[in-house]
């Protein structure tokens, strides 16, 4: 089983499919050490039409959380100063 997790600021998508189907349909003609899961509108529509791809989307609602820009700024400040 292959799983792909993609998170954005508003939602997370989890895709599940067999490794055989992934390699056959999305893996490309040559074996690679790493693969990319395209998020282009054409690719997303293709995944949605593929009956072998299971997909769930979980939406995020920020209530009392850091904004992405402030979190990233703090993260880099900590990383560079420590």
Protein backbone atom coordinates (compact mmCIF):
# COMPACT_ATOMS: atom_id res chain seq x y z
CA UNK A 1 0.00 0.00 0.00
CA UNK A 2 1.24 3.47 -0.88
CA UNK A 3 0.10 6.50 1.08
CA UNK A 4 0.53 10.15 0.23
CA UNK A 5 -0.11 12.92 2.75
CA UNK A 6 -0.37 16.52 1.53
CA UNK A 7 -1.04 19.40 3.92
CA UNK A 8 -1.85 23.01 3.14
CA UNK A 9 -2.84 25.86 5.40
CA UNK A 10 -6.54 24.94 5.18
CA UNK A 11 -6.70 21.15 4.72
CA UNK A 12 -4.85 17.86 4.59
CA UNK A 13 -5.36 15.21 1.92
CA UNK A 14 -4.53 11.52 2.38
CA UNK A 15 -4.38 9.30 -0.68
CA UNK A 16 -4.10 5.49 -0.49
CA UNK A 17 -3.48 3.08 -3.34
CA UNK A 18 -1.60 -0.14 -3.97
CA UNK A 19 2.09 0.08 -4.85
CA UNK A 20 1.40 -1.85 -8.05
CA UNK A 21 -1.19 0.72 -9.17
CA UNK A 22 1.03 3.60 -8.13
CA UNK A 23 3.97 2.26 -10.14
CA UNK A 24 1.80 1.34 -13.13
CA UNK A 25 -0.22 4.57 -13.34
CA UNK A 26 1.79 7.32 -11.62
CA UNK A 27 5.34 6.06 -11.19
CA UNK A 28 6.69 6.85 -14.63
CA UNK A 29 8.70 4.68 -17.03
CA UNK A 30 11.84 4.34 -14.84
CA UNK A 31 12.38 3.41 -11.21
CA UNK A 32 13.44 6.37 -9.03
CA UNK A 33 14.63 6.75 -5.45
CA UNK A 34 11.91 9.31 -4.78
CA UNK A 35 8.67 10.20 -6.54
CA UNK A 36 6.57 13.35 -6.53
CA UNK A 37 2.81 13.44 -6.12
CA UNK A 38 1.61 16.24 -8.35
CA UNK A 39 -0.95 18.71 -6.99
CA UNK A 40 -1.75 20.33 -10.32
CA UNK A 41 -5.48 20.66 -11.10
CA UNK A 42 -5.13 18.10 -13.91
CA UNK A 43 -3.42 15.58 -11.62
CA UNK A 44 -5.92 16.06 -8.79
CA UNK A 45 -8.81 15.51 -11.24
CA UNK A 46 -7.05 12.35 -12.45
CA UNK A 47 -6.75 11.01 -8.88
CA UNK A 48 -10.42 11.75 -8.25
CA UNK A 49 -11.44 9.78 -11.35
CA UNK A 50 -9.18 6.81 -10.49
CA UNK A 51 -11.32 4.20 -8.68
CA UNK A 52 -8.16 2.61 -7.22
CA UNK A 53 -7.17 5.78 -5.34
CA UNK A 54 -8.80 6.24 -1.93
CA UNK A 55 -8.90 9.86 -0.81
CA UNK A 56 -9.90 11.67 2.37
CA UNK A 57 -9.67 15.41 3.08
CA UNK A 58 -9.53 16.86 6.57
CA UNK A 59 -10.16 20.60 6.90
CA UNK A 60 -8.34 22.81 9.40
CA UNK A 61 -9.90 25.58 11.40
CA UNK A 62 -7.51 27.74 13.39
CA UNK A 63 -8.90 28.78 16.74
CA UNK A 64 -5.92 29.72 18.88
CA UNK A 65 -2.84 28.86 16.81
CA UNK A 66 0.17 30.61 15.39
CA UNK A 67 -0.07 31.98 11.89
CA UNK A 68 2.14 30.16 9.42
CA UNK A 69 4.34 33.22 8.86
CA UNK A 70 4.92 33.84 12.57
CA UNK A 71 5.57 30.13 13.19
CA UNK A 72 8.08 29.98 10.34
CA UNK A 73 9.83 33.13 11.58
CA UNK A 74 10.14 31.68 15.10
CA UNK A 75 11.32 28.34 13.75
CA UNK A 76 14.08 29.87 11.64
CA UNK A 77 15.12 32.23 14.44
CA UNK A 78 15.46 29.28 16.84
CA UNK A 79 17.26 27.17 14.26
CA UNK A 80 19.76 29.86 13.34
CA UNK A 81 20.42 31.18 16.84
CA UNK A 82 20.79 27.86 18.65
